[in-house]
Protein backbone atom coordinates (compact mmCIF):
# COMPACT_ATOMS: atom_id res chain seq x y z
CA MET A 1 -9.61 -23.71 6.60
CA ARG A 2 -11.16 -20.17 6.52
CA TRP A 3 -7.90 -18.71 6.01
CA VAL A 4 -7.08 -21.31 3.27
CA VAL A 5 -9.87 -19.63 1.13
CA LEU A 6 -9.24 -16.30 1.76
CA ILE A 7 -5.28 -16.78 0.95
CA LEU A 8 -6.63 -18.85 -2.43
CA LEU A 9 -9.31 -15.55 -3.26
CA PHE A 10 -6.38 -13.73 -2.77
CA PHE A 11 -4.42 -15.16 -5.70
CA GLY A 12 -7.50 -15.56 -7.68
CA ALA A 13 -8.03 -11.62 -7.18
CA VAL A 14 -3.79 -11.14 -7.83
CA ILE A 15 -4.52 -13.49 -11.38
CA ASN A 16 -7.94 -12.10 -11.97
CA PHE A 17 -6.34 -7.44 -11.90
CA ALA A 18 -2.68 -9.25 -13.25
CA ASP A 19 -5.36 -10.49 -17.21
CA LYS A 20 -6.81 -6.60 -16.68
CA SER A 21 -3.25 -4.74 -15.91
CA ILE A 22 -0.81 -6.72 -18.24
CA VAL A 23 -3.16 -4.90 -21.30
CA GLY A 24 -1.92 -1.49 -20.06
CA LEU A 25 1.64 -2.86 -19.07
CA ALA A 26 1.92 -3.59 -22.78
CA ALA A 27 0.60 -1.12 -24.03
CA VAL A 28 3.59 0.23 -25.88
CA PRO A 29 4.91 -2.50 -28.09
CA ILE A 30 0.89 -3.62 -28.53
CA MET A 31 0.53 0.29 -30.14
CA LYS A 32 3.01 0.09 -32.19
CA GLU A 33 2.83 -3.95 -33.46
CA PHE A 34 -1.09 -2.69 -34.40
CA ASN A 35 -0.27 0.85 -35.32
CA LEU A 36 -3.00 2.09 -32.50
CA SER A 37 -3.92 5.80 -31.85
CA TYR A 38 -5.01 6.71 -28.66
CA ALA A 39 -8.79 6.67 -29.45
CA GLU A 40 -8.41 3.01 -30.32
CA TRP A 41 -6.33 1.85 -27.26
CA GLY A 42 -8.82 3.42 -25.21
CA LEU A 43 -11.03 1.26 -27.33
CA VAL A 44 -9.10 -2.11 -26.41
CA GLY A 45 -8.99 -0.86 -22.90
CA SER A 46 -12.87 -0.47 -22.72
CA SER A 47 -13.77 -3.80 -24.77
CA TYR A 48 -13.35 -5.80 -21.02
CA TYR A 49 -16.24 -4.01 -19.80
CA TRP A 50 -18.44 -4.73 -22.67
CA LEU A 51 -20.29 -7.40 -20.88
CA TYR A 52 -18.24 -7.47 -17.71
CA PRO A 53 -20.93 -6.37 -15.97
CA VAL A 54 -23.33 -8.65 -17.38
CA THR A 55 -21.94 -11.49 -16.60
CA GLY A 56 -20.90 -10.05 -13.48
CA VAL A 57 -24.75 -10.45 -12.19
CA PHE A 58 -25.80 -13.05 -13.75
CA GLY A 59 -22.16 -15.44 -12.54
CA ALA A 60 -22.84 -14.05 -8.86
CA ALA A 61 -26.56 -15.13 -9.28
CA TRP A 62 -25.34 -18.60 -10.47
CA ALA A 63 -23.12 -19.02 -7.62
CA ASP A 64 -25.54 -18.52 -5.15
CA ARG A 65 -27.45 -21.55 -6.41
CA LEU A 66 -24.72 -23.79 -7.74
CA GLY A 67 -21.95 -22.76 -5.32
CA ALA A 68 -19.26 -20.25 -5.07
CA LYS A 69 -16.39 -23.66 -5.46
CA LYS A 70 -18.05 -25.08 -9.19
CA VAL A 71 -18.29 -21.27 -10.62
CA LEU A 72 -14.70 -20.16 -9.92
CA GLY A 73 -13.59 -23.32 -10.89
CA PHE A 74 -15.10 -22.71 -14.38
CA ILE A 75 -14.26 -19.20 -14.84
CA MET A 76 -10.95 -20.16 -14.35
CA LEU A 77 -10.61 -22.44 -16.87
CA THR A 78 -12.03 -20.36 -19.46
CA TRP A 79 -9.22 -18.01 -18.24
CA THR A 80 -6.76 -20.62 -19.48
CA VAL A 81 -7.71 -21.08 -22.66
CA LEU A 82 -8.54 -16.91 -23.08
CA GLN A 83 -4.94 -16.68 -22.36
CA PHE A 84 -3.30 -19.41 -23.87
CA GLY A 85 -4.95 -17.79 -27.82
CA VAL A 86 -3.64 -14.51 -26.92
CA LEU A 87 -0.49 -16.03 -28.82
CA ALA A 88 -3.11 -16.85 -32.23
CA ILE A 89 -3.78 -13.00 -31.82
CA ALA A 90 -2.58 -11.17 -35.51
CA ALA A 91 -4.77 -8.09 -35.73
CA LEU A 92 -6.83 -5.57 -33.81
CA PRO A 93 -10.32 -6.71 -34.37
CA PHE A 94 -8.91 -10.37 -32.44
CA LEU A 95 -7.17 -8.43 -29.82
CA ILE A 96 -10.82 -6.67 -28.95
CA LEU A 97 -12.44 -9.90 -29.02
CA TYR A 98 -10.37 -11.72 -26.79
CA ARG A 99 -10.66 -8.88 -24.93
CA ILE A 100 -14.49 -8.70 -24.53
CA LEU A 101 -14.25 -12.30 -23.76
CA LEU A 102 -11.95 -12.12 -21.13
CA GLY A 103 -13.78 -9.74 -19.52
CA ALA A 104 -16.94 -11.74 -20.17
CA PHE A 105 -15.38 -14.53 -18.19
CA GLU A 106 -13.78 -12.12 -15.05
CA GLY A 107 -16.84 -10.48 -14.55
CA PRO A 108 -18.10 -12.42 -11.89
CA TYR A 109 -14.82 -13.24 -9.92
CA SER A 110 -14.99 -9.97 -7.43
CA PRO A 111 -18.49 -10.09 -6.60
CA ILE A 112 -18.19 -14.11 -5.42
CA ALA A 113 -15.23 -13.96 -3.99
CA TYR A 114 -16.53 -11.35 -1.61
CA SER A 115 -19.60 -12.82 -1.17
CA HIS A 116 -17.53 -16.10 -0.45
CA ALA A 117 -15.37 -14.88 1.67
CA ASP A 118 -18.21 -13.11 3.89
CA LYS A 119 -19.60 -17.06 4.67
CA TRP A 120 -16.41 -17.35 6.61
CA PHE A 121 -16.23 -14.58 8.23
CA PRO A 122 -17.61 -12.80 11.60
CA PRO A 123 -18.64 -9.25 10.95
CA LYS A 124 -15.90 -8.24 13.20
CA LEU A 125 -13.74 -9.31 10.50
CA LYS A 126 -15.14 -8.83 7.15
CA GLY A 127 -13.79 -5.58 6.18
CA PHE A 128 -10.11 -7.46 6.65
CA ALA A 129 -11.31 -9.99 4.77
CA ASN A 130 -12.59 -8.46 1.83
CA SER A 131 -9.61 -5.91 1.86
CA VAL A 132 -7.11 -9.43 1.09
CA VAL A 133 -9.64 -10.23 -1.80
CA VAL A 134 -9.49 -6.30 -3.06
CA GLY A 135 -5.61 -6.42 -1.88
CA GLY A 136 -5.15 -9.41 -4.27
CA GLY A 137 -6.51 -6.96 -7.12
CA THR A 138 -3.43 -4.48 -6.23
CA VAL A 139 -0.96 -6.86 -6.16
CA GLY A 140 -2.03 -8.27 -9.34
CA ALA A 141 -2.63 -5.01 -11.09
CA MET A 142 1.12 -3.23 -9.61
CA ILE A 143 3.28 -5.38 -7.48
CA VAL A 144 3.24 -7.54 -9.94
CA ALA A 145 4.22 -5.05 -12.40
CA PRO A 146 7.75 -5.44 -12.70
CA ILE A 147 7.83 -9.26 -13.45
CA LEU A 148 4.93 -8.78 -16.01
CA VAL A 149 6.86 -6.16 -17.84
CA SER A 150 10.66 -8.31 -17.67
CA LEU A 151 8.51 -10.84 -19.42
CA ILE A 152 7.10 -8.68 -21.53
CA THR A 153 10.37 -7.36 -22.49
CA ILE A 154 11.97 -10.51 -22.39
CA PHE A 155 9.84 -12.99 -23.96
CA GLY A 156 7.06 -10.98 -26.05
CA TRP A 157 3.58 -9.69 -24.92
CA LYS A 158 1.96 -12.72 -26.00
CA VAL A 159 4.27 -15.07 -23.85
CA ALA A 160 3.21 -13.24 -20.53
CA PHE A 161 -0.07 -12.99 -21.13
CA ALA A 162 0.25 -17.15 -21.31
CA VAL A 163 2.13 -17.26 -18.56
CA LEU A 164 -0.74 -15.91 -16.49
CA GLY A 165 -3.28 -18.27 -18.76
CA ALA A 166 -0.88 -21.14 -16.51
CA ALA A 167 -0.89 -19.51 -13.21
CA SER A 168 -4.92 -20.12 -13.36
CA LEU A 169 -4.62 -23.30 -14.34
CA VAL A 170 -2.89 -23.86 -11.39
CA TRP A 171 -5.09 -22.09 -9.39
CA PHE A 172 -8.27 -24.01 -10.38
CA PHE A 173 -6.43 -26.99 -9.08
CA LEU A 174 -5.23 -25.82 -5.64
CA PHE A 175 -9.08 -24.14 -5.07
CA GLN A 176 -10.82 -27.41 -6.23
CA PHE A 177 -8.76 -29.79 -4.15
CA LEU A 178 -7.81 -27.49 -0.98
CA THR A 179 -11.10 -25.50 0.06
CA LYS A 180 -14.95 -26.82 0.87
CA GLU A 181 -18.07 -24.76 0.04
CA ASN A 182 -19.01 -23.15 3.33
CA PRO A 183 -18.26 -24.01 7.07
CA VAL A 184 -19.49 -26.92 8.20
CA GLU A 185 -21.62 -24.98 10.78
CA VAL A 186 -23.40 -23.24 8.64
CA HIS A 187 -23.51 -25.91 5.58
CA GLU A 188 -27.34 -26.49 6.98
CA GLN A 189 -28.22 -22.40 7.02
CA GLN A 190 -27.27 -21.85 3.66
CA LYS A 191 -28.95 -25.24 2.33
CA LYS A 192 -32.02 -23.40 3.84
CA LYS A 193 -31.47 -20.16 1.98
CA LYS A 194 -31.04 -21.85 -1.24
CA ALA A 195 -34.64 -23.63 -1.31
CA LYS A 196 -35.35 -19.97 -0.54
CA LEU A 197 -33.87 -18.09 -3.81
CA GLU A 198 -36.70 -18.92 -6.04
CA LYS A 199 -39.25 -16.92 -4.48
CA ILE A 200 -37.36 -13.58 -4.71
CA LYS A 201 -39.81 -10.49 -5.42
CA TRP A 202 -37.47 -8.83 -8.24
CA LYS A 203 -40.09 -5.45 -7.74
CA ASP A 204 -39.52 -5.71 -4.22
CA PHE A 205 -35.00 -5.79 -5.10
CA LEU A 206 -35.27 -3.07 -7.70
CA VAL A 207 -37.19 -1.32 -4.54
CA LEU A 208 -34.30 -2.21 -2.72
CA LEU A 209 -31.44 -1.27 -5.13
CA GLY A 210 -32.85 2.15 -5.22
CA SER A 211 -32.54 3.07 -1.45
CA PRO A 212 -30.46 5.46 -0.37
CA THR A 213 -28.06 3.13 1.00
CA ALA A 214 -27.65 0.60 -1.46
CA LEU A 215 -28.14 4.17 -4.59
CA PHE A 216 -25.33 5.82 -3.44
CA THR A 217 -22.55 2.98 -2.02
CA THR A 218 -23.27 1.98 -5.74
CA LEU A 219 -22.09 5.34 -7.06
CA ALA A 220 -19.22 5.59 -4.68
CA TYR A 221 -17.99 2.42 -5.88
CA PHE A 222 -18.73 3.92 -9.61
CA SER A 223 -16.55 6.66 -9.08
CA THR A 224 -13.70 4.98 -7.56
CA TYR A 225 -13.62 2.19 -9.98
CA ILE A 226 -12.89 4.88 -12.75
CA LEU A 227 -10.15 5.36 -11.01
CA VAL A 228 -9.21 1.28 -10.82
CA VAL A 229 -9.32 1.29 -14.28
CA TRP A 230 -7.21 4.35 -14.82
CA PHE A 231 -4.53 3.14 -12.85
CA SER A 232 -4.97 -0.29 -14.60
CA VAL A 233 -4.87 1.13 -18.14
CA TRP A 234 -3.28 4.53 -18.49
CA LEU A 235 -1.37 4.73 -15.12
CA PRO A 236 2.09 2.57 -17.26
CA ILE A 237 1.69 4.80 -20.28
CA TYR A 238 1.13 8.03 -17.68
CA LEU A 239 4.17 7.62 -16.31
CA VAL A 240 6.01 6.68 -19.16
CA GLU A 241 4.84 9.42 -21.13
CA ALA A 242 4.13 12.84 -18.68
CA VAL A 243 6.25 11.73 -16.19
CA LYS A 244 8.95 11.00 -18.23
CA MET A 245 9.97 7.31 -16.80
CA THR A 246 11.49 4.71 -18.66
CA PRO A 247 9.98 0.92 -19.07
CA GLY A 248 12.12 -0.28 -15.62
CA GLN A 249 11.29 2.79 -13.68
CA MET A 250 7.68 2.47 -14.71
CA GLY A 251 7.66 -0.88 -13.44
CA THR A 252 8.63 -0.36 -10.33
CA SER A 253 7.18 2.16 -9.68
CA VAL A 254 3.85 0.98 -10.51
CA ALA A 255 5.07 -1.64 -7.56
CA VAL A 256 5.47 0.89 -5.27
CA ILE A 257 2.49 2.78 -5.68
CA GLY A 258 0.76 -1.09 -5.00
CA VAL A 259 2.66 -1.82 -2.29
CA ILE A 260 2.23 1.15 -0.67
CA SER A 261 -2.14 1.93 -1.29
CA VAL A 262 -2.31 -1.66 -0.14
CA CYS A 263 -1.26 -0.77 2.80
CA ILE A 264 -3.21 1.95 3.21
CA TYR A 265 -6.71 0.62 2.32
CA MET A 266 -5.55 -2.60 4.68
CA GLY A 267 -5.11 -0.33 7.18
CA VAL A 268 -8.21 1.77 6.46
CA SER A 269 -10.58 -1.69 6.65
CA MET A 270 -8.77 -2.46 9.71
CA ILE A 271 -10.15 0.69 11.33
CA SER A 272 -13.50 0.42 10.27
CA ASP A 273 -13.53 -3.47 11.68
CA HIS A 274 -12.04 -2.22 15.05
CA LEU A 275 -14.43 0.45 14.85
CA PHE A 276 -17.08 -2.24 14.46
CA LYS A 277 -16.22 -4.35 16.87
CA LYS A 278 -16.35 -1.64 19.28
CA ASN A 279 -19.80 -0.12 19.19
CA GLN A 280 -21.51 -1.90 15.90
CA ASN A 281 -22.67 1.13 14.51
CA TRP A 282 -22.28 1.01 11.09
CA ARG A 283 -22.57 4.75 10.26
CA SER A 284 -19.16 5.37 12.45
CA SER A 285 -17.29 2.73 11.73
CA ARG A 286 -18.31 1.95 8.00
CA VAL A 287 -19.37 5.07 6.13
CA PHE A 288 -17.87 7.58 7.79
CA VAL A 289 -14.09 6.16 7.90
CA VAL A 290 -14.89 5.05 4.04
CA ALA A 291 -16.32 8.30 2.98
CA GLY A 292 -13.41 10.45 4.76
CA SER A 293 -10.44 8.31 3.18
CA MET A 294 -12.33 8.97 -0.41
CA ILE A 295 -12.58 12.71 0.02
CA LEU A 296 -8.89 13.00 1.10
CA GLY A 297 -7.69 10.25 -1.63
CA ALA A 298 -9.73 12.45 -4.36
CA LEU A 299 -7.59 15.60 -2.76
CA PHE A 300 -4.20 13.75 -3.37
CA PHE A 301 -5.25 12.71 -6.95
CA SER A 302 -5.86 15.53 -7.72
CA SER A 303 -2.59 17.38 -6.25
CA ILE A 304 -0.11 15.48 -9.00
CA MET A 305 -1.60 18.27 -11.02
CA ILE A 306 -0.26 21.04 -9.72
CA PHE A 307 3.10 19.31 -8.16
CA GLN A 308 4.42 17.59 -11.04
CA ASN A 309 7.33 16.23 -9.40
CA PRO A 310 8.07 12.69 -10.13
CA ILE A 311 9.04 12.07 -6.19
CA TRP A 312 5.65 13.71 -5.22
CA VAL A 313 3.65 12.01 -8.00
CA ILE A 314 4.17 8.84 -7.07
CA GLY A 315 3.89 9.37 -3.04
CA ALA A 316 0.20 11.31 -4.09
CA MET A 317 -0.64 8.05 -6.07
CA CYS A 318 0.28 5.71 -3.38
CA LEU A 319 -2.40 7.74 -1.20
CA ALA A 320 -4.57 8.58 -3.64
CA LYS A 321 -5.27 4.70 -4.46
CA GLY A 322 -5.34 3.55 -1.08
CA LEU A 323 -7.46 6.19 0.66
CA THR A 324 -10.03 5.63 -2.56
CA TYR A 325 -9.92 2.18 -3.00
CA ALA A 326 -11.28 1.83 0.87
CA ILE A 327 -14.69 1.56 -0.54
CA LEU A 328 -13.81 -1.72 -2.76
CA PRO A 329 -13.33 -3.82 0.57
CA ILE A 330 -16.25 -2.32 2.77
CA GLY A 331 -19.02 -1.31 0.43
CA PRO A 332 -19.56 -5.03 -0.26
CA THR A 333 -20.22 -5.83 3.27
CA ILE A 334 -22.45 -2.78 2.91
CA MET A 335 -24.31 -4.82 0.31
CA ILE A 336 -24.48 -7.62 1.54
CA ASN A 337 -26.08 -6.55 4.71
CA GLU A 338 -29.00 -5.29 2.99
CA MET A 339 -29.68 -8.53 1.78
CA GLN A 340 -27.56 -11.66 3.46
CA GLU A 341 -29.45 -14.21 1.38
CA ARG A 342 -28.18 -12.87 -1.60
CA GLY A 343 -25.07 -11.78 -0.92
CA GLY A 344 -23.58 -13.05 -4.38
CA LEU A 345 -26.11 -10.77 -6.32
CA MET A 346 -25.70 -7.89 -4.25
CA THR A 347 -22.08 -8.01 -4.53
CA SER A 348 -22.11 -7.82 -8.37
CA ILE A 349 -24.70 -5.03 -8.80
CA LEU A 350 -21.87 -3.15 -7.03
CA THR A 351 -19.17 -4.39 -8.84
CA SER A 352 -21.00 -4.69 -12.02
CA SER A 353 -21.76 -0.84 -11.76
CA GLY A 354 -18.37 -0.36 -11.15
CA ASN A 355 -17.28 -2.53 -14.36
CA ILE A 356 -20.06 -0.02 -16.45
CA ALA A 357 -17.38 3.23 -15.49
CA GLY A 358 -15.06 0.26 -16.54
CA ILE A 359 -16.39 0.98 -19.98
CA ILE A 360 -16.65 4.75 -19.91
CA ALA A 361 -13.33 5.63 -18.43
CA PRO A 362 -11.42 4.05 -20.93
CA LEU A 363 -12.64 5.67 -23.64
CA VAL A 364 -13.24 9.01 -21.75
CA THR A 365 -9.44 9.56 -21.47
CA GLY A 366 -8.41 8.38 -24.51
CA TYR A 367 -11.07 11.22 -25.86
CA ILE A 368 -9.43 13.84 -23.04
CA ILE A 369 -5.94 12.92 -24.43
CA SER A 370 -6.82 13.62 -27.92
CA LEU A 371 -8.90 16.46 -27.55
CA ALA A 372 -5.95 18.59 -25.91
CA GLY A 373 -3.81 17.34 -28.82
CA GLY A 374 0.17 17.13 -28.81
CA ASN A 375 0.22 18.49 -25.03
CA GLN A 376 -0.07 15.42 -23.62
CA LEU A 377 0.44 16.44 -20.25
CA LEU A 378 -3.05 18.90 -20.38
CA GLY A 379 -4.65 15.86 -21.82
CA TYR A 380 -3.91 12.99 -18.83
CA ASN A 381 -4.62 16.40 -16.28
CA LEU A 382 -7.97 16.90 -17.43
CA SER A 383 -8.64 13.19 -17.06
CA ILE A 384 -7.28 13.57 -13.89
CA LEU A 385 -9.55 16.48 -12.95
CA PHE A 386 -12.21 15.03 -13.66
CA MET A 387 -12.26 11.37 -11.93
CA ALA A 388 -10.66 13.20 -8.88
CA THR A 389 -14.02 15.48 -8.86
CA LEU A 390 -16.47 12.44 -9.54
CA VAL A 391 -14.86 11.10 -6.36
CA LEU A 392 -15.14 14.03 -4.27
CA VAL A 393 -18.37 14.50 -5.14
CA PHE A 394 -20.05 10.75 -4.97
CA GLY A 395 -17.69 10.44 -1.61
CA ILE A 396 -19.66 13.46 0.03
CA LEU A 397 -23.28 11.97 -0.43
CA PHE A 398 -22.07 8.89 0.39
CA ALA A 399 -21.23 10.53 3.83
CA LEU A 400 -24.79 11.80 3.76
CA PHE A 401 -27.15 9.40 2.71
CA VAL A 402 -25.85 5.75 3.60
CA LYS A 403 -27.42 4.26 6.83
CA PRO A 404 -27.36 0.70 7.48
CA VAL A 405 -29.44 -1.38 9.35
CA LYS A 406 -28.00 -3.92 11.80
CA SER A 407 -28.81 -7.12 10.37
CA THR A 408 -29.72 -10.22 12.17
CA ARG A 409 -26.96 -11.83 11.96
CA ASP A 410 -24.55 -8.81 13.69
CA ARG A 411 -27.17 -8.77 15.99
CA THR A 412 -26.92 -12.88 16.44
CA ASN A 413 -23.37 -12.33 16.50
CA GLU A 414 -22.83 -10.00 19.23
CA HIS A 415 -24.80 -12.14 21.49
CA THR A 416 -23.34 -15.40 20.58
CA GLY A 417 -18.90 -14.12 20.15
CA ASP A 418 -19.46 -15.70 16.74
CA MET A 419 -18.75 -19.04 18.38
CA ASP A 420 -20.32 -20.66 14.82
CA LEU A 421 -16.90 -19.63 13.14
CA LYS A 422 -14.44 -20.82 15.37
CA SER A 423 -14.40 -23.89 14.68
CA SER A 424 -13.96 -23.29 10.77
């Protein structure tokens, strides 16, 4: 059952990130249809994240109480309605309103999915499980790009959006009928936890969020999510305008970057899991592995300002995306470890901080490119330098200050060998 749950969470993330990224893939026809400037396009990209962080926190807290299965089913139905509603969009204000509402209802997905996967897998597989969920995001954002580009080219961008709405509806029925809320072995434990949730002291919770481990994990996630948004909103148009690719070449390149980067950050997660299984040391197996990956990724990303051959650009993008994204599956594991009974809430704080970056990044990128005037390449390079510097700095701070403690669950699993999960 755990693998069925994980596979469906993977495909849910595919839909989630396809919904996010399709607007970038359709950037050229949308900008042409509505006669948008770069600054206005940055506004469209940013609007998706205006309510995303807030609803991410409340939706995840709601899932902690009502159950992930119910909440995920509800939000997936809202995606269906909104994506079909795109067929009626006729002006920029309605496009922005649609993006705001879609972001509001998609905000809870990632934290709930991470927390839900955490229930089904032992510590030695948590990094891998979350990397699979994150991998769904990359598949949705990049690997399905050629399919979405073809739909946009042949049928128009509105029909392509509606197809994603149909996919959401199919996922809803599969998840509701093929999965359970919890593994049988932890059902009673989850019931006891729910009874204790109202007793949380928010003052203590805020102190926890201000701890070096929570704070610098959140900042590292924030810096990486600026890249996530750039890859989603700006990469397609960057490849067309700066690297001079055709739409078909762009779609293929985006898919190649997606495939290779998934392999890289899943590999990093598996290395982290292997080290954790071997030494049970959070610093060496989780923190240092992620920090090293972020630093290397930032260096590769910045290299495309110097080496601008298309082949190097694609290769460097693969490495930059794959290495920096290591924080996305492992960061939630670190945060859940800090307060396991509030796993959904802890991951929502993390992902919502990243989504604040989603509000900022498109606007900043659009502003920087506009400042460069007619020199688009200079504008893109300046935005790349800005993002690479953030990831580099916060990767170093993450390595220096994040010091997770070993949880009770980890100590228990060392002695039980995770036997409670074997039958699930």
